Protein backbone atom coordinates (compact mmCIF):
# COMPACT_ATOMS: atom_id res chain seq x y z
CA MET A 1 -94.45 -6.13 71.18
CA ASN A 2 -95.30 -7.39 74.68
CA ILE A 3 -98.97 -7.94 75.61
CA GLU A 4 -100.00 -9.77 78.80
CA ASN A 5 -103.26 -10.59 80.49
CA ASN A 6 -103.49 -8.16 83.40
CA ILE A 7 -103.53 -10.53 86.35
CA ASN A 8 -100.73 -8.94 88.33
CA ASN A 9 -99.47 -5.75 86.74
CA GLU A 10 -96.15 -5.36 88.41
CA ASN A 11 -94.20 -3.84 85.49
CA ASN A 12 -95.89 -0.42 85.39
CA LYS A 13 -97.38 -1.17 81.94
CA ASN A 14 -100.53 0.34 80.46
CA THR A 15 -103.74 -1.56 81.16
CA ILE A 16 -106.13 -1.60 78.20
CA SER A 17 -109.55 -3.27 78.17
CA VAL A 18 -110.64 -4.82 74.87
CA LYS A 19 -113.60 -6.96 73.89
CA ILE A 20 -112.82 -10.05 71.87
CA GLY A 21 -115.57 -12.57 71.13
CA ASN A 22 -117.99 -11.00 73.57
CA ILE A 23 -115.40 -11.38 76.35
CA ILE A 24 -113.64 -8.36 77.88
CA TYR A 25 -109.92 -8.74 78.48
CA ASN A 26 -107.71 -6.42 80.53
CA LEU A 27 -104.34 -6.38 78.78
CA SER A 28 -101.05 -5.06 80.14
CA THR A 29 -98.83 -3.65 77.36
CA ASN A 30 -96.43 -0.91 76.32
CA GLU A 31 -98.27 -0.40 73.03
CA SER A 32 -100.77 2.38 72.36
CA GLU A 33 -104.51 1.91 72.89
CA ASP A 34 -105.27 2.49 69.19
CA TYR A 35 -102.81 -0.19 68.20
CA ILE A 36 -104.34 -2.74 70.66
CA ASN A 37 -107.90 -1.83 69.57
CA GLY A 38 -106.86 -2.33 65.97
CA ILE A 39 -105.59 -5.83 66.72
CA ALA A 40 -108.79 -6.63 68.64
CA LYS A 41 -110.87 -5.33 65.72
CA TYR A 42 -108.90 -7.51 63.30
CA ILE A 43 -109.45 -10.62 65.49
CA ASN A 44 -113.17 -9.87 65.91
CA ASN A 45 -113.57 -9.47 62.14
CA LYS A 46 -111.81 -12.78 61.62
CA MET A 47 -114.05 -14.45 64.22
CA ASP A 48 -117.16 -13.03 62.52
CA ASP A 49 -115.95 -14.27 59.12
CA LEU A 50 -115.29 -17.76 60.53
CA ALA A 51 -118.62 -17.75 62.37
CA ASN A 52 -120.38 -17.14 59.04
CA ILE A 53 -118.48 -20.05 57.51
CA TYR A 54 -118.61 -22.45 60.48
CA GLY A 55 -121.92 -21.61 62.08
CA ASN A 56 -122.03 -24.83 64.03
CA LEU A 57 -118.88 -24.04 66.04
CA ASN A 58 -118.92 -22.19 69.33
CA LYS A 59 -116.68 -19.11 69.28
CA ASN A 60 -115.16 -20.14 72.59
CA SER A 61 -114.55 -23.73 71.59
CA THR A 62 -111.04 -25.09 71.04
CA SER A 63 -111.80 -26.05 67.42
CA PHE A 64 -113.02 -22.57 66.60
CA LEU A 65 -110.02 -20.95 68.23
CA LEU A 66 -107.69 -23.37 66.36
CA VAL A 67 -109.31 -22.44 63.02
CA LEU A 68 -109.02 -18.76 63.99
CA ALA A 69 -105.31 -19.20 64.79
CA LEU A 70 -104.73 -20.99 61.46
CA ASN A 71 -106.41 -18.18 59.53
CA ILE A 72 -104.42 -15.50 61.33
CA ALA A 73 -101.22 -17.50 60.70
CA ASP A 74 -102.22 -17.81 57.03
CA ASP A 75 -102.64 -14.02 56.78
CA LEU A 76 -99.26 -13.53 58.44
CA PHE A 77 -97.46 -15.93 56.06
CA LYS A 78 -99.13 -14.38 53.00
CA GLN A 79 -98.10 -10.95 54.22
CA ARG A 80 -94.50 -12.12 54.67
CA GLN A 81 -94.46 -13.69 51.19
CA LEU A 82 -95.80 -10.47 49.69
CA PHE A 83 -93.19 -8.48 51.58
CA ASN A 84 -90.45 -10.79 50.27
CA LYS A 85 -91.76 -10.38 46.71
CA ASN A 86 -91.70 -6.60 47.11
CA SER A 87 -88.15 -6.82 48.46
CA LYS A 88 -87.13 -8.88 45.40
CA ILE A 89 -88.77 -6.32 43.11
CA THR A 90 -86.85 -3.56 44.85
CA THR A 91 -83.62 -5.53 44.49
CA ASP A 92 -84.28 -6.07 40.77
CA LEU A 93 -84.93 -2.37 40.30
CA GLU A 94 -81.70 -1.51 42.09
CA ALA A 95 -79.84 -3.98 39.84
CA LYS A 96 -81.30 -2.30 36.76
CA VAL A 97 -80.27 1.09 38.10
CA ASN A 98 -76.72 -0.26 38.64
CA LEU A 99 -76.75 -1.55 35.05
CA LEU A 100 -77.72 1.92 33.86
CA SER A 101 -74.91 3.37 35.95
CA SER A 102 -72.43 0.92 34.35
CA LYS A 103 -73.63 1.86 30.88
CA ASN A 104 -73.28 5.51 31.84
CA THR A 105 -69.68 4.84 32.94
CA TYR A 106 -69.02 3.06 29.64
CA ILE A 107 -70.37 6.07 27.74
CA GLU A 108 -68.16 8.42 29.76
CA ASN A 109 -65.11 6.24 28.99
CA LYS A 110 -66.02 6.27 25.29
CA LEU A 111 -66.32 10.04 25.38
CA THR A 112 -62.95 10.36 27.10
CA GLU A 113 -61.31 8.06 24.53
CA SER A 114 -62.89 10.04 21.71
CA ASP A 115 -61.63 13.30 23.21
CA ASN A 116 -58.05 11.92 23.44
CA ASN A 117 -58.09 10.68 19.84
CA CYS A 118 -59.33 14.04 18.53
CA LYS A 119 -56.85 16.39 20.25
CA ASN A 120 -55.18 17.33 16.94
CA LYS A 121 -58.44 17.80 15.04
CA ASP A 122 -59.63 21.32 15.89
CA ASN A 123 -62.95 21.12 14.09
CA SER A 124 -63.67 17.64 15.41
CA ILE A 125 -62.79 18.74 18.95
CA LEU A 126 -65.27 21.61 18.82
CA TYR A 127 -67.95 19.29 17.49
CA LEU A 128 -67.26 16.60 20.07
CA GLU A 129 -67.09 19.11 22.94
CA ASP A 130 -70.56 20.40 22.04
CA LYS A 131 -71.77 16.83 21.68
CA ILE A 132 -70.24 15.85 25.03
CA LYS A 133 -71.84 18.82 26.78
CA ALA A 134 -75.22 17.88 25.34
CA ILE A 135 -74.78 14.23 26.32
CA ASN A 136 -73.59 15.17 29.83
CA LYS A 137 -76.58 17.46 30.22
CA GLU A 138 -78.89 14.70 29.03
CA LYS A 139 -77.06 12.21 31.26
CA ASP A 140 -77.49 14.46 34.33
CA THR A 141 -81.17 14.85 33.51
CA ILE A 142 -81.60 11.08 33.16
CA ILE A 143 -79.69 10.42 36.39
CA SER A 144 -81.77 13.05 38.20
CA ASN A 145 -84.96 11.49 36.88
CA LEU A 146 -83.76 8.04 37.89
CA GLU A 147 -82.84 9.26 41.37
CA ASN A 148 -86.24 10.90 41.72
CA LYS A 149 -87.87 7.76 40.45
CA LEU A 150 -85.87 5.68 42.92
CA ASN A 151 -86.84 8.01 45.75
CA ASN A 152 -90.44 7.72 44.69
CA ILE A 153 -90.13 3.93 44.54
CA SER A 154 -88.53 3.87 47.99
CA THR A 155 -91.27 6.10 49.39
CA GLU A 156 -93.91 4.04 47.68
CA LYS A 157 -92.32 0.83 49.03
CA ASP A 158 -92.36 2.22 52.58
CA THR A 159 -95.98 3.29 52.15
CA VAL A 160 -96.92 -0.14 50.80
CA ILE A 161 -95.20 -1.86 53.73
CA SER A 162 -96.73 0.44 56.36
CA ASN A 163 -100.23 0.05 54.88
CA LEU A 164 -99.84 -3.61 53.90
CA GLU A 165 -102.89 -4.83 55.86
CA ASP A 166 -105.20 -2.27 54.19
CA ARG A 167 -103.85 -2.91 50.66
CA LEU A 168 -103.47 -6.71 50.60
CA ASN A 169 -106.13 -7.11 47.89
CA ASN A 170 -104.84 -4.25 45.64
CA ILE A 171 -101.04 -4.48 46.04
CA SER A 172 -100.51 -7.10 43.31
CA THR A 173 -102.19 -4.98 40.60
CA GLU A 174 -100.43 -1.84 41.71
CA LYS A 175 -97.08 -3.67 41.83
CA ASP A 176 -97.47 -4.96 38.26
CA THR A 177 -98.38 -1.48 37.03
CA VAL A 178 -95.36 0.13 38.71
CA ILE A 179 -92.99 -2.57 37.42
CA SER A 180 -94.38 -2.28 33.89
CA ASN A 181 -93.95 1.49 33.88
CA LEU A 182 -90.40 1.25 35.24
CA GLU A 183 -89.42 -1.43 32.75
CA ASP A 184 -90.82 0.64 29.87
CA ARG A 185 -88.90 3.66 31.11
CA LEU A 186 -85.70 1.65 31.58
CA ASN A 187 -86.04 0.13 28.10
CA ASP A 188 -86.49 3.61 26.60
CA ILE A 189 -83.37 4.82 28.39
CA LEU A 190 -81.34 1.78 27.27
CA ILE A 191 -82.43 2.28 23.63
CA GLU A 192 -81.48 5.95 23.83
CA LYS A 193 -78.07 5.13 25.34
CA ASP A 194 -77.40 2.47 22.69
CA THR A 195 -78.18 5.04 19.99
CA ILE A 196 -75.72 7.53 21.50
CA ILE A 197 -73.03 4.83 21.78
CA SER A 198 -73.60 3.80 18.14
CA ASN A 199 -73.20 7.41 16.95
CA LEU A 200 -69.99 7.84 18.94
CA GLU A 201 -68.57 4.56 17.60
CA ASN A 202 -69.32 5.66 14.02
CA ARG A 203 -67.53 8.95 14.66
CA LEU A 204 -64.54 7.12 16.14
CA ASN A 205 -64.38 4.85 13.10
CA ASP A 206 -64.28 7.89 10.80
CA ILE A 207 -61.39 9.34 12.81
CA LEU A 208 -59.50 6.02 12.70
CA ILE A 209 -59.94 5.87 8.89
CA GLU A 210 -58.55 9.40 8.60
CA LYS A 211 -55.58 8.39 10.78
CA ASP A 212 -54.88 5.36 8.56
CA THR A 213 -54.90 7.62 5.48
CA ILE A 214 -52.31 9.94 7.08
CA ILE A 215 -50.13 6.95 8.04
CA SER A 216 -50.34 5.61 4.46
CA ASN A 217 -49.18 8.97 3.08
CA LEU A 218 -46.28 9.04 5.52
CA GLU A 219 -45.26 5.51 4.49
CA ASP A 220 -45.26 6.56 0.82
CA ASN A 221 -42.98 9.50 1.67
CA LEU A 222 -40.67 7.19 3.62
CA ASN A 223 -40.48 4.79 0.68
CA SER A 224 -39.53 7.66 -1.62
CA ILE A 225 -36.80 8.75 0.80
CA SER A 226 -35.59 5.14 1.03
CA ASN A 227 -35.25 4.93 -2.80
CA ASN A 228 -33.13 8.13 -2.84
CA LYS A 229 -31.01 6.68 -0.05
CA ASP A 230 -30.36 3.55 -2.15
CA ASP A 231 -29.15 5.70 -5.05
CA ILE A 232 -26.76 7.57 -2.77
CA ILE A 233 -25.42 4.32 -1.31
CA SER A 234 -24.94 2.93 -4.82
CA ASN A 235 -22.89 5.98 -5.84
CA LEU A 236 -20.77 5.68 -2.70
CA LYS A 237 -20.15 2.00 -3.43
CA ASP A 238 -19.03 2.88 -6.99
CA LYS A 239 -16.60 5.45 -5.60
CA LEU A 240 -15.31 2.94 -3.05
CA ASP A 241 -14.77 0.30 -5.76
CA GLN A 242 -12.88 2.87 -7.81
CA SER A 243 -10.71 3.72 -4.79
CA LEU A 244 -10.02 0.02 -4.21
CA ASP A 245 -8.95 -0.40 -7.85
CA GLU A 246 -6.59 2.56 -7.51
CA ASN A 247 -5.24 1.05 -4.30
CA LYS A 248 -4.57 -2.24 -6.07
CA ASN A 249 -2.61 -0.42 -8.76
CA LEU A 250 -0.69 1.44 -6.08
CA HIS A 251 0.01 -1.83 -4.29
CA SER A 252 1.33 -3.32 -7.55
CA GLN A 253 3.57 -0.34 -8.19
CA LEU A 254 4.87 -0.44 -4.63
CA ASP A 255 5.62 -4.17 -4.90
CA GLU A 256 7.47 -3.48 -8.11
CA LYS A 257 9.57 -0.76 -6.47
CA ILE A 258 10.29 -3.02 -3.50
CA ASN A 259 11.32 -5.86 -5.80
CA ASN A 260 13.58 -3.47 -7.69
CA ALA A 261 15.12 -2.34 -4.42
CA LEU A 262 15.70 -5.97 -3.42
CA SER A 263 17.21 -6.71 -6.81
CA GLN A 264 19.51 -3.73 -6.43
CA LYS A 265 20.42 -4.92 -2.95
CA ASN A 266 21.20 -8.44 -4.19
CA ALA A 267 23.17 -7.01 -7.10
CA ILE A 268 25.18 -4.84 -4.74
CA ILE A 269 25.92 -7.84 -2.51
CA SER A 270 26.89 -9.95 -5.53
CA ASN A 271 29.14 -7.21 -6.87
CA LEU A 272 30.74 -6.81 -3.48
CA LYS A 273 31.46 -10.54 -3.32
CA ASP A 274 32.86 -10.58 -6.91
CA LYS A 275 34.94 -7.41 -6.65
CA PHE A 276 36.41 -7.89 -3.24
CA ASN A 277 38.59 -10.74 -2.15
CA LEU A 278 39.63 -9.05 1.00
CA ASP A 279 41.12 -10.86 3.85
CA LEU A 280 38.32 -12.52 5.86
CA SER A 281 39.62 -11.29 9.16
CA GLU A 282 39.73 -7.66 7.93
CA LYS A 283 36.47 -7.58 5.98
CA SER A 284 34.24 -9.79 8.14
CA ASN A 285 33.27 -6.92 10.42
CA ILE A 286 32.40 -4.72 7.46
CA ILE A 287 30.36 -7.50 5.81
CA LYS A 288 28.53 -8.30 9.07
CA SER A 289 27.72 -4.65 9.53
CA LEU A 290 26.46 -4.42 5.96
CA GLU A 291 24.44 -7.61 6.35
CA LYS A 292 22.97 -6.25 9.56
CA ASP A 293 22.00 -3.05 7.77
CA LEU A 294 20.53 -5.10 4.94
CA SER A 295 18.58 -7.22 7.47
CA GLU A 296 17.22 -4.06 9.01
CA LYS A 297 16.27 -2.82 5.58
CA ASN A 298 14.58 -6.16 4.80
CA LEU A 299 12.68 -5.90 8.06
CA LEU A 300 11.72 -2.37 7.16
CA ILE A 301 10.52 -3.56 3.76
CA GLU A 302 8.45 -6.35 5.37
CA ASN A 303 6.97 -3.85 7.81
CA LEU A 304 6.23 -1.62 4.87
CA LYS A 305 4.41 -4.49 3.17
CA ASP A 306 2.41 -5.17 6.34
CA ASN A 307 1.54 -1.50 6.62
CA LEU A 308 0.51 -1.56 2.99
CA ASN A 309 -1.85 -4.51 3.63
CA GLU A 310 -3.32 -2.75 6.66
CA THR A 311 -3.74 0.34 4.56
CA THR A 312 -5.55 -1.69 1.91
CA ILE A 313 -8.02 -2.90 4.53
CA LYS A 314 -8.53 0.58 5.90
CA LEU A 315 -9.11 2.00 2.42
CA SER A 316 -12.56 0.39 2.33
CA ASN A 317 -13.62 2.60 5.29
CA ILE A 318 -12.09 5.97 4.43
CA GLU A 319 -12.80 8.80 1.99
CA ASN A 320 -10.89 9.60 -1.23
CA GLU A 321 -8.99 12.46 0.43
CA ASP A 322 -7.65 10.07 3.08
CA ILE A 323 -6.56 7.66 0.34
CA GLU A 324 -4.56 10.43 -1.36
CA ASP A 325 -2.87 11.28 1.95
CA LEU A 326 -1.92 7.62 2.48
CA LEU A 327 -0.55 7.33 -1.05
CA LEU A 328 1.55 10.41 -0.47
CA GLU A 329 2.82 8.94 2.81
CA LYS A 330 3.78 5.66 1.07
CA ASP A 331 5.59 7.55 -1.69
CA LEU A 332 7.57 9.36 0.98
CA GLN A 333 8.45 6.05 2.65
CA ILE A 334 9.60 4.63 -0.69
CA LEU A 335 11.76 7.72 -1.31
CA ASN A 336 13.26 7.38 2.14
CA LEU A 337 13.99 3.70 1.44
CA GLU A 338 15.68 4.57 -1.86
CA GLU A 339 17.77 7.20 -0.08
CA GLU A 340 18.84 4.65 2.51
CA ILE A 341 19.79 2.18 -0.29
CA GLU A 342 21.86 4.91 -1.94
CA SER A 343 23.48 5.62 1.42
CA LEU A 344 24.29 1.93 1.74
CA LYS A 345 25.83 1.96 -1.72
CA SER A 346 27.98 4.91 -0.70
CA GLN A 347 29.15 3.09 2.39
CA LEU A 348 30.06 0.05 0.26
CA ASN A 349 31.94 2.27 -2.15
CA LYS A 350 33.84 3.81 0.72
CA SER A 351 34.65 0.37 2.05
CA GLN A 352 36.00 -0.56 -1.37
């Protein structure tokens, strides 16, 4: 706002004549005439009020004008304080609305979680879907009411601010009434939301209890299966022990046959030494060849023993049918060894 005393109007502004304190002033301004007359009326009313209080002061005196300026400044500061209070009230209301929005988001998250946990429960899903639809409908209604209420509050705030001078004496009472009504409404909504959340949490607890019951039944079934598995393993261990015992007997028999073969070999060598006193130069080659063959046979017997030990180790990891095949293979090796010993005897006989 720019108002000047019209001494030299060189800015093409409007010139408005107003009477203040029985003195006419020509003012140069860009404001409307009604606005300037309103200000002049306000100042004249203030001057009349002060004249009634300070009757001994001249309206044109410096003291009177100073008191007038202080009163106008006081009205201005009170108006600013009231405006700041209204702004704080508006901020508090917006904070409460944000709190309601957060609670609404929490409810939506709870509903989503409930829907995910109830996917495999057909009857529960139908119930919850109907419940969710009703809650969403109620939620939309509440949000719509809150938005309308906020719009009304915003409109009312703008109206209060624009008419602040006319409503200075009544604004406090009206403000308290509006705040009380809003707080009652907000409290009712919060209680209603808490009730809905409590019902949903109870429903979720029932579903979790049902889930725990199903898990307990599954664990009982698994324990039963585990007991049967232990019986099967025990039977397999018994069969394996039996196979190991048979293998030990086989090993003993094989050692006995090998020892017999060695005894026969030693007997043959002893008989050859006793029966033959051949010339060393003529028989040395034959004896060396026979000793070489016997060494090879001894090596073969040692290898056979090693193979037998390896077979004993492997028997703990194979089935009964595999054990029978190995036994058959060892019997064949023993027969082949006996045939070779007989062949060696024949060669010795021929040498004789």
